Amino acid sequence: DMLPALNNGVIGGYTVADPFNAAAAAQSVG
């Protein structure tokens, strides 16, 4: 849920294990 929440402005950021950080960069979400 972190990627959609970041993309929608619900949160300013998240801290988590990969590959969720790499996924945000790949999708230009964060």
PDB file of all heavy atoms in Angstrom:
ATOM      1  N   ASP A   1       0.816  -1.221   0.000  1.00  0.00           N
ATOM      2  CA  ASP A   1       0.000   0.000   0.000  1.00  0.00           C
ATOM      3  C   ASP A   1       0.846   1.266   0.000  1.00  0.00           C
ATOM      4  O   ASP A   1       0.319   2.373  -0.193  1.00  0.00           O
ATOM      5  CB  ASP A   1      -0.921   0.028   1.224  1.00  0.00           C
ATOM      6  CG  ASP A   1      -2.001  -1.043   1.176  1.00  0.00           C
ATOM      7  OD1 ASP A   1      -2.344  -1.485   0.057  1.00  0.00           O
ATOM      8  OD2 ASP A   1      -2.479  -1.450   2.253  1.00  0.00           O
ATOM      9  N   MET A   2       2.145   1.124   0.236  1.00  0.00           N
ATOM     10  CA  MET A   2       2.981   2.305   0.391  1.00  0.00           C
ATOM     11  C   MET A   2       3.141   3.086  -0.907  1.00  0.00           C
ATOM     12  O   MET A   2       3.059   4.321  -0.918  1.00  0.00           O
ATOM     13  CB  MET A   2       4.346   1.902   0.951  1.00  0.00           C
ATOM     14  CG  MET A   2       4.304   1.421   2.392  1.00  0.00           C
ATOM     15  SD  MET A   2       5.951   0.966   2.993  1.00  0.00           S
ATOM     16  CE  MET A   2       5.571   0.456   4.679  1.00  0.00           C
ATOM     17  N   LEU A   3       3.381   2.396  -2.010  1.00  0.00           N
ATOM     18  CA  LEU A   3       3.539   3.081  -3.291  1.00  0.00           C
ATOM     19  C   LEU A   3       2.301   3.897  -3.656  1.00  0.00           C
ATOM     20  O   LEU A   3       2.418   5.092  -3.977  1.00  0.00           O
ATOM     21  CB  LEU A   3       3.848   2.061  -4.393  1.00  0.00           C
ATOM     22  CG  LEU A   3       5.323   1.809  -4.699  1.00  0.00           C
ATOM     23  CD1 LEU A   3       5.464   0.614  -5.633  1.00  0.00           C
ATOM     24  CD2 LEU A   3       5.934   3.032  -5.342  1.00  0.00           C
ATOM     25  N   PRO A   4       1.096   3.315  -3.630  1.00  0.00           N
ATOM     26  CA  PRO A   4      -0.095   4.115  -3.936  1.00  0.00           C
ATOM     27  C   PRO A   4      -0.278   5.290  -2.977  1.00  0.00           C
ATOM     28  O   PRO A   4      -0.672   6.389  -3.401  1.00  0.00           O
ATOM     29  CB  PRO A   4      -1.238   3.106  -3.805  1.00  0.00           C
ATOM     30  CG  PRO A   4      -0.612   1.777  -4.029  1.00  0.00           C
ATOM     31  CD  PRO A   4       0.762   1.885  -3.465  1.00  0.00           C
ATOM     32  N   ALA A   5      -0.003   5.061  -1.688  1.00  0.00           N
ATOM     33  CA  ALA A   5      -0.161   6.138  -0.709  1.00  0.00           C
ATOM     34  C   ALA A   5       0.815   7.278  -0.981  1.00  0.00           C
ATOM     35  O   ALA A   5       0.469   8.461  -0.840  1.00  0.00           O
ATOM     36  CB  ALA A   5       0.031   5.598   0.705  1.00  0.00           C
ATOM     37  N   LEU A   6       2.022   6.943  -1.381  1.00  0.00           N
ATOM     38  CA  LEU A   6       3.012   7.964  -1.711  1.00  0.00           C
ATOM     39  C   LEU A   6       2.592   8.718  -2.973  1.00  0.00           C
ATOM     40  O   LEU A   6       2.658   9.947  -3.034  1.00  0.00           O
ATOM     41  CB  LEU A   6       4.374   7.309  -1.919  1.00  0.00           C
ATOM     42  CG  LEU A   6       5.576   8.246  -2.035  1.00  0.00           C
ATOM     43  CD1 LEU A   6       5.853   8.945  -0.712  1.00  0.00           C
ATOM     44  CD2 LEU A   6       6.818   7.473  -2.490  1.00  0.00           C
ATOM     45  N   ASN A   7       2.142   7.970  -3.965  1.00  0.00           N
ATOM     46  CA  ASN A   7       1.736   8.562  -5.236  1.00  0.00           C
ATOM     47  C   ASN A   7       0.531   9.482  -5.069  1.00  0.00           C
ATOM     48  O   ASN A   7       0.416  10.505  -5.758  1.00  0.00           O
ATOM     49  CB  ASN A   7       1.411   7.455  -6.236  1.00  0.00           C
ATOM     50  CG  ASN A   7       1.235   7.977  -7.646  1.00  0.00           C
ATOM     51  OD1 ASN A   7       1.950   8.875  -8.093  1.00  0.00           O
ATOM     52  ND2 ASN A   7       0.283   7.412  -8.362  1.00  0.00           N
ATOM     53  N   ASN A   8      -0.349   9.148  -4.147  1.00  0.00           N
ATOM     54  CA  ASN A   8      -1.566   9.928  -3.932  1.00  0.00           C
ATOM     55  C   ASN A   8      -1.385  11.055  -2.915  1.00  0.00           C
ATOM     56  O   ASN A   8      -2.338  11.775  -2.618  1.00  0.00           O
ATOM     57  CB  ASN A   8      -2.710   9.014  -3.475  1.00  0.00           C
ATOM     58  CG  ASN A   8      -3.119   8.029  -4.548  1.00  0.00           C
ATOM     59  OD1 ASN A   8      -2.974   8.307  -5.735  1.00  0.00           O
ATOM     60  ND2 ASN A   8      -3.620   6.864  -4.137  1.00  0.00           N
ATOM     61  N   GLY A   9      -0.192  11.185  -2.370  1.00  0.00           N
ATOM     62  CA  GLY A   9       0.069  12.252  -1.419  1.00  0.00           C
ATOM     63  C   GLY A   9      -0.449  12.000  -0.022  1.00  0.00           C
ATOM     64  O   GLY A   9      -0.454  12.905   0.809  1.00  0.00           O
ATOM     65  N   VAL A  10      -0.874  10.771   0.261  1.00  0.00           N
ATOM     66  CA  VAL A  10      -1.365  10.434   1.597  1.00  0.00           C
ATOM     67  C   VAL A  10      -0.228  10.469   2.609  1.00  0.00           C
ATOM     68  O   VAL A  10      -0.417  10.818   3.774  1.00  0.00           O
ATOM     69  CB  VAL A  10      -2.050   9.049   1.587  1.00  0.00           C
ATOM     70  CG1 VAL A  10      -2.458   8.615   2.992  1.00  0.00           C
ATOM     71  CG2 VAL A  10      -3.248   9.052   0.655  1.00  0.00           C
ATOM     72  N   ILE A  11       0.956  10.065   2.171  1.00  0.00           N
ATOM     73  CA  ILE A  11       2.140  10.067   3.026  1.00  0.00           C
ATOM     74  C   ILE A  11       3.249  10.837   2.322  1.00  0.00           C
ATOM     75  O   ILE A  11       3.246  10.985   1.101  1.00  0.00           O
ATOM     76  CB  ILE A  11       2.618   8.633   3.361  1.00  0.00           C
ATOM     77  CG1 ILE A  11       2.898   7.833   2.081  1.00  0.00           C
ATOM     78  CG2 ILE A  11       1.606   7.921   4.239  1.00  0.00           C
ATOM     79  CD1 ILE A  11       3.474   6.454   2.318  1.00  0.00           C
ATOM     80  N   GLY A  12       4.196  11.291   3.122  1.00  0.00           N
ATOM     81  CA  GLY A  12       5.344  11.983   2.550  1.00  0.00           C
ATOM     82  C   GLY A  12       6.473  11.048   2.208  1.00  0.00           C
ATOM     83  O   GLY A  12       7.391  11.399   1.454  1.00  0.00           O
ATOM     84  N   GLY A  13       6.442   9.841   2.788  1.00  0.00           N
ATOM     85  CA  GLY A  13       7.494   8.871   2.527  1.00  0.00           C
ATOM     86  C   GLY A  13       7.221   7.581   3.263  1.00  0.00           C
ATOM     87  O   GLY A  13       6.235   7.459   4.007  1.00  0.00           O
ATOM     88  N   TYR A  14       8.080   6.618   3.050  1.00  0.00           N
ATOM     89  CA  TYR A  14       7.991   5.349   3.766  1.00  0.00           C
ATOM     90  C   TYR A  14       9.371   4.743   3.917  1.00  0.00           C
ATOM     91  O   TYR A  14      10.291   5.032   3.151  1.00  0.00           O
ATOM     92  CB  TYR A  14       7.029   4.371   3.078  1.00  0.00           C
ATOM     93  CG  TYR A  14       7.360   3.985   1.648  1.00  0.00           C
ATOM     94  CD1 TYR A  14       8.391   3.097   1.342  1.00  0.00           C
ATOM     95  CD2 TYR A  14       6.597   4.475   0.585  1.00  0.00           C
ATOM     96  CE1 TYR A  14       8.670   2.718   0.036  1.00  0.00           C
ATOM     97  CE2 TYR A  14       6.860   4.102  -0.721  1.00  0.00           C
ATOM     98  CZ  TYR A  14       7.894   3.222  -0.992  1.00  0.00           C
ATOM     99  OH  TYR A  14       8.169   2.852  -2.289  1.00  0.00           O
ATOM    100  N   THR A  15       9.503   3.909   4.921  1.00  0.00           N
ATOM    101  CA  THR A  15      10.734   3.165   5.122  1.00  0.00           C
ATOM    102  C   THR A  15      10.389   1.692   5.163  1.00  0.00           C
ATOM    103  O   THR A  15       9.512   1.260   5.912  1.00  0.00           O
ATOM    104  CB  THR A  15      11.476   3.605   6.403  1.00  0.00           C
ATOM    105  OG1 THR A  15      12.653   2.798   6.579  1.00  0.00           O
ATOM    106  CG2 THR A  15      10.586   3.497   7.637  1.00  0.00           C
ATOM    107  N   VAL A  16      11.083   0.905   4.335  1.00  0.00           N
ATOM    108  CA  VAL A  16      10.706  -0.487   4.148  1.00  0.00           C
ATOM    109  C   VAL A  16      11.850  -1.220   3.469  1.00  0.00           C
ATOM    110  O   VAL A  16      12.809  -0.605   2.990  1.00  0.00           O
ATOM    111  CB  VAL A  16       9.412  -0.584   3.292  1.00  0.00           C
ATOM    112  CG1 VAL A  16       9.693  -0.243   1.831  1.00  0.00           C
ATOM    113  CG2 VAL A  16       8.726  -1.934   3.414  1.00  0.00           C
ATOM    114  N   ALA A  17      11.732  -2.533   3.399  1.00  0.00           N
ATOM    115  CA  ALA A  17      12.720  -3.348   2.694  1.00  0.00           C
ATOM    116  C   ALA A  17      12.509  -3.251   1.191  1.00  0.00           C
ATOM    117  O   ALA A  17      11.435  -2.898   0.709  1.00  0.00           O
ATOM    118  CB  ALA A  17      12.606  -4.806   3.143  1.00  0.00           C
ATOM    119  N   ASP A  18      13.542  -3.561   0.454  1.00  0.00           N
ATOM    120  CA  ASP A  18      13.408  -3.692  -0.983  1.00  0.00           C
ATOM    121  C   ASP A  18      12.679  -4.992  -1.319  1.00  0.00           C
ATOM    122  O   ASP A  18      12.665  -5.908  -0.497  1.00  0.00           O
ATOM    123  CB  ASP A  18      14.798  -3.681  -1.629  1.00  0.00           C
ATOM    124  CG  ASP A  18      15.189  -2.285  -2.109  1.00  0.00           C
ATOM    125  OD1 ASP A  18      14.295  -1.577  -2.612  1.00  0.00           O
ATOM    126  OD2 ASP A  18      16.364  -1.917  -1.976  1.00  0.00           O
ATOM    127  N   PRO A  19      12.035  -5.068  -2.484  1.00  0.00           N
ATOM    128  CA  PRO A  19      12.188  -4.172  -3.639  1.00  0.00           C
ATOM    129  C   PRO A  19      11.225  -3.002  -3.684  1.00  0.00           C
ATOM    130  O   PRO A  19      11.066  -2.397  -4.742  1.00  0.00           O
ATOM    131  CB  PRO A  19      11.952  -5.125  -4.814  1.00  0.00           C
ATOM    132  CG  PRO A  19      10.947  -6.081  -4.312  1.00  0.00           C
ATOM    133  CD  PRO A  19      11.300  -6.299  -2.846  1.00  0.00           C
ATOM    134  N   PHE A  20      10.584  -2.646  -2.586  1.00  0.00           N
ATOM    135  CA  PHE A  20       9.596  -1.570  -2.631  1.00  0.00           C
ATOM    136  C   PHE A  20      10.228  -0.199  -2.821  1.00  0.00           C
ATOM    137  O   PHE A  20       9.594   0.706  -3.378  1.00  0.00           O
ATOM    138  CB  PHE A  20       8.730  -1.614  -1.371  1.00  0.00           C
ATOM    139  CG  PHE A  20       7.830  -2.813  -1.323  1.00  0.00           C
ATOM    140  CD1 PHE A  20       8.177  -3.930  -0.588  1.00  0.00           C
ATOM    141  CD2 PHE A  20       6.651  -2.839  -2.040  1.00  0.00           C
ATOM    142  CE1 PHE A  20       7.355  -5.052  -0.555  1.00  0.00           C
ATOM    143  CE2 PHE A  20       5.829  -3.949  -2.024  1.00  0.00           C
ATOM    144  CZ  PHE A  20       6.179  -5.065  -1.280  1.00  0.00           C
ATOM    145  N   ASN A  21      11.462  -0.013  -2.372  1.00  0.00           N
ATOM    146  CA  ASN A  21      12.142   1.254  -2.631  1.00  0.00           C
ATOM    147  C   ASN A  21      12.560   1.337  -4.095  1.00  0.00           C
ATOM    148  O   ASN A  21      12.365   2.365  -4.754  1.00  0.00           O
ATOM    149  CB  ASN A  21      13.363   1.390  -1.717  1.00  0.00           C
ATOM    150  CG  ASN A  21      12.998   1.283  -0.250  1.00  0.00           C
ATOM    151  OD1 ASN A  21      12.349   2.150   0.303  1.00  0.00           O
ATOM    152  ND2 ASN A  21      13.417   0.193   0.392  1.00  0.00           N
ATOM    153  N   ALA A  22      13.107   0.255  -4.605  1.00  0.00           N
ATOM    154  CA  ALA A  22      13.494   0.218  -6.009  1.00  0.00           C
ATOM    155  C   ALA A  22      12.282   0.387  -6.918  1.00  0.00           C
ATOM    156  O   ALA A  22      12.363   1.020  -7.976  1.00  0.00           O
ATOM    157  CB  ALA A  22      14.202  -1.102  -6.320  1.00  0.00           C
ATOM    158  N   ALA A  23      11.136  -0.151  -6.501  1.00  0.00           N
ATOM    159  CA  ALA A  23       9.919  -0.044  -7.311  1.00  0.00           C
ATOM    160  C   ALA A  23       9.452   1.404  -7.412  1.00  0.00           C
ATOM    161  O   ALA A  23       8.979   1.844  -8.471  1.00  0.00           O
ATOM    162  CB  ALA A  23       8.819  -0.908  -6.713  1.00  0.00           C
ATOM    163  N   ALA A  24       9.572   2.163  -6.332  1.00  0.00           N
ATOM    164  CA  ALA A  24       9.162   3.567  -6.365  1.00  0.00           C
ATOM    165  C   ALA A  24       9.995   4.347  -7.369  1.00  0.00           C
ATOM    166  O   ALA A  24       9.470   5.178  -8.132  1.00  0.00           O
ATOM    167  CB  ALA A  24       9.285   4.186  -4.976  1.00  0.00           C
ATOM    168  N   ALA A  25      11.286   4.092  -7.374  1.00  0.00           N
ATOM    169  CA  ALA A  25      12.162   4.769  -8.334  1.00  0.00           C
ATOM    170  C   ALA A  25      11.847   4.337  -9.759  1.00  0.00           C
ATOM    171  O   ALA A  25      11.804   5.163 -10.678  1.00  0.00           O
ATOM    172  CB  ALA A  25      13.615   4.473  -7.992  1.00  0.00           C
ATOM    173  N   ALA A  26      11.598   3.048  -9.954  1.00  0.00           N
ATOM    174  CA  ALA A  26      11.314   2.532 -11.293  1.00  0.00           C
ATOM    175  C   ALA A  26      10.033   3.122 -11.863  1.00  0.00           C
ATOM    176  O   ALA A  26       9.919   3.345 -13.072  1.00  0.00           O
ATOM    177  CB  ALA A  26      11.222   1.008 -11.260  1.00  0.00           C
ATOM    178  N   GLN A  27       9.054   3.404 -10.997  1.00  0.00           N
ATOM    179  CA  GLN A  27       7.774   3.944 -11.444  1.00  0.00           C
ATOM    180  C   GLN A  27       7.703   5.463 -11.335  1.00  0.00           C
ATOM    181  O   GLN A  27       6.661   6.064 -11.583  1.00  0.00           O
ATOM    182  CB  GLN A  27       6.641   3.321 -10.617  1.00  0.00           C
ATOM    183  CG  GLN A  27       6.523   1.817 -10.776  1.00  0.00           C
ATOM    184  CD  GLN A  27       5.425   1.223  -9.910  1.00  0.00           C
ATOM    185  OE1 GLN A  27       4.431   1.882  -9.608  1.00  0.00           O
ATOM    186  NE2 GLN A  27       5.598  -0.033  -9.501  1.00  0.00           N
ATOM    187  N   SER A  28       8.825   6.093 -10.945  1.00  0.00           N
ATOM    188  CA  SER A  28       8.898   7.553 -10.790  1.00  0.00           C
ATOM    189  C   SER A  28       7.852   8.088  -9.804  1.00  0.00           C
ATOM    190  O   SER A  28       7.363   9.218  -9.941  1.00  0.00           O
ATOM    191  CB  SER A  28       8.729   8.245 -12.151  1.00  0.00           C
ATOM    192  OG  SER A  28       9.751   7.838 -13.042  1.00  0.00           O
ATOM    193  N   VAL A  29       7.524   7.257  -8.823  1.00  0.00           N
ATOM    194  CA  VAL A  29       6.573   7.661  -7.784  1.00  0.00           C
ATOM    195  C   VAL A  29       7.293   8.390  -6.660  1.00  0.00           C
ATOM    196  O   VAL A  29       6.728   9.269  -6.001  1.00  0.00           O
ATOM    197  CB  VAL A  29       5.824   6.424  -7.243  1.00  0.00           C
ATOM    198  CG1 VAL A  29       4.981   6.780  -6.029  1.00  0.00           C
ATOM    199  CG2 VAL A  29       4.948   5.826  -8.337  1.00  0.00           C
ATOM    200  N   GLY A  30       8.529   8.040  -6.428  1.00  0.00           N
ATOM    201  CA  GLY A  30       9.305   8.642  -5.366  1.00  0.00           C
ATOM    202  C   GLY A  30      10.774   8.327  -5.557  1.00  0.00           C
ATOM    203  O   GLY A  30      11.162   7.642  -6.523  1.00  0.00           O
TER     204      GLY A  30
END
